[in-house]
Amino acid sequence: MTIDEKYKKLDEILRGMESTIVAFSGGVDSAFLAFVADRVLGDRALAVTADSPSLASFQREDALRFAGNYGLRHEMIRTEEMENPDYVVNPANRCFFCKDELFQKLTQMAAERGFRTVAYGVNVDDLGDYRPGQQAARKFGVSAPLVDAQLRKSEIRELSRALHLETWDHPASACLSSRIPYGMMVTVDKLKAIDRGEEALHRLGFRQVRVRHHGEVVRIEIASDEMPSALKPEMAKQFTSIFKSLGFKYVTLDLEGYRQGALNEVLTEPAIRPS
């Protein structure tokens, strides 16, 4: 199908859903889905953002700004994945427990408020990556309209740009817990340090960053096209000052730069198929 045919298909899918709650993180995919659902379904669509310690400050701000700028019906709910020991111990399928908590709350909310469906912004390209959250979506019968319309990430960006959505060129984003290596416990203090570190890097002008928490060591990932700035001696001093003030003893810059799913590189086949 052409991109226009896929967009028309998405419209048809959403109309067929009649009413929906969209899991809305403020990222490229969920913003596009929430916007289109709002235009197709009107007040029968509701964008809902899960607020918890694993939500980055900039993601919270992006979600609120986007909903306000485009007139979406939008609410925030509190999720308690940090109360689940299966999540906190940070196994390879940690994302399952996060999405399990989210989708349980959203499906309950849908039932109580008369929405027929819950939807989330997974796209076709996501199907080839290790994403345990998709298992949770299947468990609760959460719809994936972008997948059903066969839309890829690049096409979502292209359509978002055509629709004048401010998110069309936003960098990829993920929850803060994804910055902690599997097997290392997730704590609120670690999440706060990661959040503050990434905010500081953004203030220095870097767009695509990850702060990887390895205990006493922080490993900074920065997009390859931004690495020349990161490698300047004066920038190294700023990195050291920022991250030592956040409690890290050693500050490192990953010379491979940012790459999506970097923590999955250490997984073996048995690890990515948890029982």
Foldseek 3Di string as FASTA:
>chain_A
DDLVQLVVQLLVVLVVQQAEEEAAQLALQSLLNQLSNCVNNPPSYEYEYEDDLQRFPVSVVSRVVSCVVRVGHYYYDYFPLVVPVVLQQFAPLNQCSVLLRVLVVRVVVCVVVVRRAYEYRDAPVCVVDLHNSVVSCVVNVHDHSRHVSRHDLLSSLVVCVVVVRPNSPADDDDTLVLLEAGRDGDDSLSSVLFSQLVVVVVVVPARDWGWRDDDLETEIAGAPVCVVVCPDPVNVVVQVVSNVVSPHPYYHYDPVHDDPPPSCVPDDPCRSDDD
